[in-house]
Structures are given as structure tokens and as C-alpha cells.
Amino acid sequence: MYSSPSKQRGIAMVIAISIMMIGVITATTLLAKQQLSLRKGSNLIMRDQAAEYNVAAEKWAKIWLAKDENEYDAADDDWATELPPLPVDGGVIIAQLFDLQGRININSFDARDIAMPQRKQNVTPPTPDPVEQQQAIYNELALLQNINPKTAHIKDWIDADDTPTASSGAETNTYMGMERPYRAANKQAITISEYRLLPEVTDEEYQLFREPEQEYEDPRIALTALPGYTKINLNFAPLSLLTAIIGDPVAAEQLYEEIQVTPFDNLDKITTSLQSYNVKIGDEDGQNIDYVTPEVFTVESNYFLLVSKTYIGRTQSILYSVLYRDAQKKVHVINRSYGTI
């Protein structure tokens, strides 16, 4: 068959247009991929830059903690001062140090490797040891929030064996029977988020240990997880914890306000203050014993939490660092996590 020249020209034009469209689509796709690759590379660079700023904030925190020469730690210390956002190249960094010893350390419930003061056996009843006293304060704290205390569950989670503590305990057999089975840690908790793994602990119950007026930037709750046995620094104790110690909400609020104005700078003042609120203190003769003794409280802190947030462009980097300050004022990073504590 014969095709007219005009028809041939039409077919050629369609082919040419098709080739051109394929070229345009290919070029557009390549350009889009290039832009995506450039943006991805830019984001990675900004993310790494933000992470480096957070590490710099960690070094800043270590310097400030080492410079602290007070014999006590309280909210009026330089390191505890909230800093305004600091501008950095291309963004801003927000960093703040928080005390971690104003909380109940769940690892204090099992202090088998820690040298503890001996209880007094020549009195009736015998003086409770500091571990038992901290457990008692935790029980009161939980009851204040209408929560069933998980003392036995905590002890079983962090102890070395797989034998439940009485009938109220829970070991690996309990956890393996759950919908999503897992084993008991049988070692000290690394972060307080492990509390969420205990039987019957819901997100709502976990959040009840957080203070209502607490700033969102402060991720702590009234419980914490620190290595070994630690005393409670009352200068940083939240109101709920003071209420559990004193037993009277009104008196606890009064003490809380007093601490904000005039923090404790020695243990004798803690003893005198708690005695004025009728909180029983164990004296040297073993008289007037209750669950509060100087072995439970302190005015000094060794553990701190740095929260550093860096924003550069569209990138955000959040660093949580747990810092330990030893007796020589040297500061060590013992735990570091990005994005979540």
C-alpha cells in the first residue's frame, strides 16, 4: 500500500514528540532524584552537625559540674540554672542539666554489692536498714497515687536469681507467659523505662510518677534507675516524694517551698527539719525509730541528666546523657541515648 507524504510526516512528528516526552520525563526524574539526593545529603550533614553540638553540650555540662565547689547541691547552683537557647551556625541549641538523686532509685531495692550500715539489733523493733526504708518511701509514694506498689516485682526484676519474692513477686516464668514474652532482667535496671515492663504497669500508671507542673523538657519521673544504692537529695525531691516522706500534704508543701528558698546544706538541718514535722528519725540510741534515717538522705548529688536539643534547618537532634561526678569532682558519662531516655 502507498502512504502519502503528509501521512508519513504525521507519523514522524508523533514519534519525535514521543521521544521528546520520554527525554523530558527522564530528565525530570533524574533531576528529582538529584534534588532528593542533595536534600538527603544535606539532612545527613545537618544531623551530624547537630549531634556534634550535643556532644559539645555534654562537655560543657562536665565542666560546670566539675567547677561546683559547694558542699551541697541545690537548685541555686550554677549548673542547675536554666540557660536561654543558644544560637549556633544554622540553628539553635537548648541544653539543661537536671539532678537525678532527688528521686527514688529502684536499684536501691537490691544493694547486695554495696556496703550498707548495719541495722541495730539491740532495740525493739530493730532499726530497718536503708534499703527497707527506701522501699517504704516508695510504697507510700505509690499509694498516694492510688497505685498498687510493685516492690516485690522491682526486687525480682533487679536481683540475680530467678526465684520470686514471696507470692507477690514475678520472675521469668511470669514474663514468658505474657502475650509478648520476655525474660526478667535479673540485673540492675539501666533506665527507669524498665519499670514499664513490670506486670500490670500501664503507660497511665507510669506517668502518674511525673509531676503535674513539670516542664516537658524534664523527662524524669519520681523514680529513677542509678547504679547501686543511692541516697535521696531532698533539695531536689519533688512534692509528691516529700508528701510520701512526711505523710501530710500541707506540711510537705510547706517544706517544699522552704527548700526552694533555703535549701539544706548539711544533714543536721535535714534531721532538725524533719523532726519539726514529726517525721521520726532514728537516733544513736535506737529510740524513736521509723523509716527515715540519715543513711537515706543526702544534700549532695553524684548523678545528673543532661538534656541537649539542637535544631539546624529541618533537622532535630536530642541527646540524653547520664553523668556521674565522683568524689574527686571528675565527671564521667555512664549512659547516653539519642531521641529517647
Protein backbone atom coordinates (compact mmCIF):
# COMPACT_ATOMS: atom_id res chain seq x y z
CA MET A 1 0.00 0.00 0.00
CA TYR A 2 1.07 3.56 -0.61
CA SER A 3 1.28 6.18 2.16
CA SER A 4 1.03 9.80 1.28
CA PRO A 5 3.92 12.11 2.22
CA SER A 6 1.66 14.07 4.57
CA LYS A 7 0.73 10.93 6.46
CA GLN A 8 4.38 9.93 6.76
CA ARG A 9 5.20 13.37 8.12
CA GLY A 10 2.43 12.97 10.75
CA ILE A 11 3.82 9.67 11.94
CA ALA A 12 7.32 11.12 12.13
CA MET A 13 6.02 14.04 14.17
CA VAL A 14 4.28 11.69 16.66
CA ILE A 15 7.46 9.68 17.03
CA ALA A 16 9.51 12.84 17.54
CA ILE A 17 7.07 14.15 20.17
CA SER A 18 7.11 10.78 21.94
CA ILE A 19 10.90 10.75 22.02
CA MET A 20 10.91 14.30 23.33
CA MET A 21 8.39 13.44 26.07
CA ILE A 22 10.46 10.42 27.09
CA GLY A 23 13.51 12.67 27.27
CA VAL A 24 11.67 15.28 29.34
CA ILE A 25 10.31 12.65 31.74
CA THR A 26 13.75 11.05 32.06
CA ALA A 27 15.41 14.39 32.70
CA THR A 28 12.74 15.38 35.22
CA THR A 29 13.12 12.05 37.04
CA LEU A 30 16.88 12.38 37.15
CA LEU A 31 16.59 15.97 38.37
CA ALA A 32 14.12 14.95 41.09
CA LYS A 33 16.39 12.12 42.19
CA GLN A 34 19.32 14.51 42.23
CA GLN A 35 17.40 17.01 44.33
CA LEU A 36 16.29 14.25 46.70
CA SER A 37 19.86 13.01 46.98
CA LEU A 38 21.13 16.51 47.65
CA ARG A 39 18.46 17.11 50.29
CA LYS A 40 19.18 13.74 51.89
CA GLY A 41 22.89 14.51 51.93
CA SER A 42 22.20 17.96 53.37
CA ASN A 43 20.00 16.47 56.09
CA LEU A 44 22.67 13.93 56.99
CA ILE A 45 25.27 16.68 57.23
CA MET A 46 22.96 18.80 59.43
CA ARG A 47 22.12 15.77 61.57
CA ASP A 48 25.80 15.01 62.14
CA GLN A 49 26.45 18.68 62.85
CA ALA A 50 23.59 18.78 65.38
CA ALA A 51 24.92 15.62 67.05
CA GLU A 52 28.35 17.24 67.40
CA TYR A 53 26.78 20.29 69.06
CA ASN A 54 25.09 17.95 71.55
CA VAL A 55 28.42 16.32 72.34
CA ALA A 56 29.86 19.81 72.89
CA ALA A 57 26.99 20.49 75.31
CA GLU A 58 27.95 17.31 77.15
CA LYS A 59 31.50 18.64 77.56
CA TRP A 60 30.06 21.94 78.80
CA ALA A 61 27.99 20.06 81.40
CA LYS A 62 31.02 18.13 82.64
CA ILE A 63 32.96 21.37 83.08
CA TRP A 64 30.18 23.05 85.09
CA LEU A 65 29.69 20.04 87.33
CA ALA A 66 33.42 19.80 87.99
CA LYS A 67 33.58 23.52 88.85
CA ASP A 68 30.89 23.22 91.52
CA GLU A 69 32.64 23.77 94.85
CA ASN A 70 29.61 23.74 97.15
CA GLU A 71 29.35 21.09 99.83
CA TYR A 72 25.74 20.63 98.80
CA ASP A 73 23.73 20.53 95.58
CA ALA A 74 20.54 22.53 95.15
CA ALA A 75 18.52 24.43 92.57
CA ASP A 76 20.52 27.62 93.18
CA ASP A 77 23.78 26.06 91.93
CA ASP A 78 25.23 27.44 88.71
CA TRP A 79 25.00 24.10 86.93
CA ALA A 80 21.25 23.89 87.70
CA THR A 81 20.49 27.30 86.17
CA GLU A 82 18.30 27.10 83.08
CA LEU A 83 20.07 28.65 80.11
CA PRO A 84 18.35 30.51 77.26
CA PRO A 85 18.53 28.97 73.76
CA LEU A 86 22.00 29.48 72.32
CA PRO A 87 22.43 30.30 68.61
CA VAL A 88 24.76 28.07 66.60
CA ASP A 89 25.70 28.05 62.94
CA GLY A 90 22.45 27.47 61.09
CA GLY A 91 20.29 26.82 64.13
CA VAL A 92 19.92 26.81 67.91
CA ILE A 93 20.84 24.55 70.85
CA ILE A 94 18.89 24.15 74.11
CA ALA A 95 20.70 22.35 76.92
CA GLN A 96 19.86 21.86 80.59
CA LEU A 97 21.21 19.83 83.49
CA PHE A 98 18.89 18.03 85.89
CA ASP A 99 19.62 16.34 89.20
CA LEU A 100 18.84 12.62 89.32
CA GLN A 101 19.25 11.95 93.05
CA GLY A 102 16.11 13.73 94.16
CA ARG A 103 14.27 10.59 93.10
CA ILE A 104 13.82 7.06 94.46
CA ASN A 105 16.38 4.78 92.83
CA ILE A 106 14.75 1.41 92.17
CA ASN A 107 18.21 -0.21 92.12
CA SER A 108 18.49 0.74 95.80
CA PHE A 109 15.99 -2.05 96.50
CA ASP A 110 18.75 -4.61 95.97
CA ALA A 111 22.07 -3.44 97.41
CA ARG A 112 23.76 -6.81 97.82
CA ASP A 113 27.05 -5.49 96.43
CA ILE A 114 27.00 -2.23 98.39
CA ALA A 115 28.41 -1.78 101.89
CA MET A 116 25.41 -0.73 103.98
CA PRO A 117 25.24 0.41 107.62
CA GLN A 118 24.33 -2.42 109.95
CA ARG A 119 20.86 -2.33 111.47
CA LYS A 120 20.66 -2.07 115.25
CA GLN A 121 19.54 -5.37 116.74
CA ASN A 122 19.56 -4.30 120.40
CA VAL A 123 16.39 -2.26 120.08
CA THR A 124 12.75 -3.21 119.72
CA PRO A 125 11.89 -3.22 116.92
CA PRO A 126 15.30 -3.45 115.18
CA THR A 127 16.24 -0.46 113.07
CA PRO A 128 15.16 -1.01 109.45
CA ASP A 129 18.11 -0.90 107.10
CA PRO A 130 18.28 1.86 104.46
CA VAL A 131 17.10 -0.49 101.69
CA GLU A 132 13.92 -1.29 103.61
CA GLN A 133 13.41 2.39 104.36
CA GLN A 134 13.62 3.39 100.70
CA GLN A 135 11.16 0.64 99.85
CA ALA A 136 8.80 2.02 102.49
CA ILE A 137 9.01 5.52 100.97
CA TYR A 138 8.29 4.07 97.53
CA ASN A 139 5.27 2.22 98.92
CA GLU A 140 3.90 5.45 100.37
CA LEU A 141 4.54 7.27 97.09
CA ALA A 142 2.68 4.62 95.10
CA LEU A 143 -0.27 4.61 97.49
CA LEU A 144 -0.53 8.40 97.23
CA GLN A 145 -1.15 7.93 93.51
CA ASN A 146 -3.63 5.08 94.14
CA ILE A 147 -1.14 2.65 92.64
CA ASN A 148 -0.55 -0.86 93.90
CA PRO A 149 3.15 -0.84 94.96
CA LYS A 150 5.39 -3.04 92.83
CA THR A 151 8.12 -3.52 95.46
CA ALA A 152 8.38 -7.29 95.06
CA HIS A 153 8.26 -7.00 91.27
CA ILE A 154 11.10 -4.46 91.31
CA LYS A 155 13.23 -6.63 93.59
CA ASP A 156 12.70 -9.68 91.36
CA TRP A 157 13.45 -7.69 88.23
CA ILE A 158 16.86 -6.50 89.50
CA ASP A 159 18.01 -9.39 91.71
CA ALA A 160 20.38 -12.05 90.36
CA ASP A 161 18.17 -15.11 90.85
CA ASP A 162 15.03 -16.39 89.16
CA THR A 163 13.12 -17.13 92.38
CA PRO A 164 10.04 -14.94 93.00
CA THR A 165 9.88 -12.83 96.15
CA ALA A 166 7.01 -14.48 98.02
CA SER A 167 3.68 -14.83 96.22
CA SER A 168 3.64 -11.22 95.03
CA GLY A 169 6.86 -11.45 93.06
CA ALA A 170 7.41 -12.04 89.34
CA GLU A 171 10.30 -13.74 87.59
CA THR A 172 10.93 -15.11 84.11
CA ASN A 173 8.06 -17.62 84.28
CA THR A 174 5.60 -14.74 84.68
CA TYR A 175 7.02 -12.71 81.80
CA MET A 176 7.30 -15.69 79.44
CA GLY A 177 3.56 -16.25 79.83
CA MET A 178 2.68 -12.79 78.50
CA GLU A 179 1.33 -12.08 75.02
CA ARG A 180 4.76 -10.78 74.04
CA PRO A 181 7.09 -12.90 76.19
CA TYR A 182 10.43 -11.72 77.53
CA ARG A 183 12.73 -12.64 80.38
CA ALA A 184 13.30 -10.89 83.70
CA ALA A 185 16.43 -8.74 83.62
CA ASN A 186 17.91 -10.27 86.80
CA LYS A 187 20.33 -7.37 86.96
CA GLN A 188 20.15 -3.72 87.87
CA ALA A 189 17.94 -1.55 85.71
CA ILE A 190 19.79 0.67 83.24
CA THR A 191 16.96 3.17 82.72
CA ILE A 192 13.73 3.81 84.58
CA SER A 193 11.79 2.89 81.44
CA GLU A 194 12.31 -0.73 82.53
CA TYR A 195 9.71 -0.05 85.22
CA ARG A 196 7.18 -0.08 82.37
CA LEU A 197 7.98 -3.77 81.79
CA LEU A 198 6.75 -4.88 85.22
CA PRO A 199 3.43 -6.75 85.35
CA GLU A 200 0.27 -4.63 85.15
CA VAL A 201 2.16 -1.34 84.73
CA THR A 202 0.38 0.80 82.14
CA ASP A 203 1.53 3.99 80.44
CA GLU A 204 -1.04 5.86 82.52
CA GLU A 205 0.35 4.44 85.76
CA TYR A 206 3.92 5.18 84.69
CA GLN A 207 3.02 8.82 84.00
CA LEU A 208 1.49 9.19 87.48
CA PHE A 209 5.04 9.33 88.85
CA ARG A 210 5.57 12.52 86.83
CA GLU A 211 4.87 15.88 88.48
CA PRO A 212 1.79 17.75 87.12
CA GLU A 213 3.65 21.08 86.92
CA GLN A 214 6.79 19.51 85.46
CA GLU A 215 8.23 21.05 82.33
CA TYR A 216 8.01 18.89 79.21
CA GLU A 217 11.77 19.24 78.70
CA ASP A 218 12.33 17.42 82.00
CA PRO A 219 11.87 13.70 81.22
CA ARG A 220 12.33 12.49 84.80
CA ILE A 221 9.67 10.90 86.96
CA ALA A 222 9.71 10.49 90.75
CA LEU A 223 11.57 7.20 90.24
CA THR A 224 14.97 6.70 88.68
CA ALA A 225 17.47 3.94 87.91
CA LEU A 226 21.05 4.60 89.02
CA PRO A 227 23.92 2.18 89.69
CA GLY A 228 23.81 0.61 93.15
CA TYR A 229 22.36 2.17 96.29
CA THR A 230 21.94 5.97 96.25
CA LYS A 231 20.68 8.38 98.88
CA ILE A 232 17.91 10.87 98.12
CA ASN A 233 18.89 14.53 97.83
CA LEU A 234 15.94 16.29 99.45
CA ASN A 235 16.91 19.59 97.83
CA PHE A 236 15.63 18.18 94.53
CA ALA A 237 12.84 15.94 95.82
CA PRO A 238 9.51 16.58 94.06
CA LEU A 239 6.46 17.49 96.13
CA SER A 240 4.96 14.01 95.77
CA LEU A 241 8.07 12.42 97.30
CA LEU A 242 8.14 14.87 100.22
CA THR A 243 4.48 14.07 100.83
CA ALA A 244 5.29 10.35 100.93
CA ILE A 245 8.07 11.03 103.46
CA ILE A 246 6.15 13.39 105.76
CA GLY A 247 2.69 11.91 105.34
CA ASP A 248 0.94 15.30 105.40
CA PRO A 249 0.29 17.09 102.06
CA VAL A 250 0.05 20.53 103.67
CA ALA A 251 3.26 20.13 105.67
CA ALA A 252 5.02 18.66 102.63
CA GLU A 253 4.09 21.66 100.50
CA GLN A 254 5.37 23.99 103.22
CA LEU A 255 8.69 22.11 103.37
CA TYR A 256 8.91 22.10 99.57
CA GLU A 257 8.55 25.89 99.46
CA GLU A 258 11.10 26.31 102.26
CA ILE A 259 13.64 24.23 100.32
CA GLN A 260 13.20 26.41 97.23
CA VAL A 261 14.14 29.47 99.30
CA THR A 262 16.70 27.95 101.66
CA PRO A 263 17.98 24.54 100.59
CA PHE A 264 19.58 22.12 103.04
CA ASP A 265 23.35 22.48 103.21
CA ASN A 266 24.03 19.69 105.72
CA LEU A 267 22.43 16.55 107.14
CA ASP A 268 21.83 18.06 110.59
CA LYS A 269 19.42 20.57 109.07
CA ILE A 270 17.53 17.75 107.37
CA THR A 271 17.20 15.96 110.70
CA THR A 272 16.06 19.12 112.51
CA SER A 273 13.57 20.00 109.79
CA LEU A 274 12.00 16.55 109.59
CA GLN A 275 11.77 16.38 113.38
CA SER A 276 9.84 19.66 113.33
CA TYR A 277 7.32 17.98 111.01
CA ASN A 278 7.03 14.97 113.34
CA VAL A 279 8.86 12.66 110.97
CA LYS A 280 10.60 10.16 113.20
CA ILE A 281 14.38 9.98 113.00
CA GLY A 282 16.49 7.08 114.32
CA ASP A 283 18.93 8.48 116.86
CA GLU A 284 22.14 6.86 118.09
CA ASP A 285 20.38 5.11 120.98
CA GLY A 286 17.90 3.45 118.65
CA GLN A 287 14.93 5.35 120.04
CA ASN A 288 12.05 6.86 118.11
CA ILE A 289 12.75 4.75 115.02
CA ASP A 290 10.75 4.99 111.83
CA TYR A 291 11.62 4.59 108.15
CA VAL A 292 13.63 7.82 107.83
CA THR A 293 17.33 7.97 108.79
CA PRO A 294 20.41 9.91 107.61
CA GLU A 295 21.51 6.88 105.59
CA VAL A 296 18.53 7.50 103.31
CA PHE A 297 19.02 11.22 102.64
CA THR A 298 21.84 13.48 101.47
CA VAL A 299 22.46 17.07 100.43
CA GLU A 300 24.95 16.09 97.72
CA SER A 301 24.33 14.55 94.31
CA ASN A 302 26.57 12.39 92.16
CA TYR A 303 24.22 11.65 89.26
CA PHE A 304 22.84 14.15 86.77
CA LEU A 305 20.93 14.17 83.49
CA LEU A 306 21.84 16.38 80.55
CA VAL A 307 19.09 17.06 78.02
CA SER A 308 20.53 18.69 74.90
CA LYS A 309 18.39 19.57 71.88
CA THR A 310 19.87 21.01 68.70
CA TYR A 311 17.82 22.33 65.79
CA ILE A 312 19.56 23.01 62.48
CA GLY A 313 17.42 23.68 59.43
CA ARG A 314 14.84 20.90 59.26
CA THR A 315 16.92 18.61 61.48
CA GLN A 316 16.48 17.95 65.20
CA SER A 317 18.87 16.00 67.40
CA ILE A 318 18.13 15.20 71.07
CA LEU A 319 20.75 13.76 73.41
CA TYR A 320 20.14 12.37 76.89
CA SER A 321 23.33 11.84 78.90
CA VAL A 322 23.52 10.44 82.43
CA LEU A 323 26.60 11.87 84.14
CA TYR A 324 28.37 10.65 87.28
CA ARG A 325 30.51 13.00 89.37
CA ASP A 326 32.92 11.15 91.64
CA ALA A 327 34.49 12.26 94.93
CA GLN A 328 37.40 13.90 93.08
CA LYS A 329 34.93 16.03 91.05
CA LYS A 330 35.70 14.11 87.88
CA VAL A 331 32.64 13.68 85.68
CA HIS A 332 32.01 10.54 83.64
CA VAL A 333 29.33 9.69 81.06
CA ILE A 334 27.71 6.43 82.16
CA ASN A 335 24.75 6.36 79.76
CA ARG A 336 23.97 8.14 76.53
CA SER A 337 20.95 7.87 74.25
CA TYR A 338 19.54 9.80 71.31
CA GLY A 339 15.87 10.65 70.90
CA THR A 340 14.59 8.84 73.99
CA ILE A 341 15.68 8.24 77.55
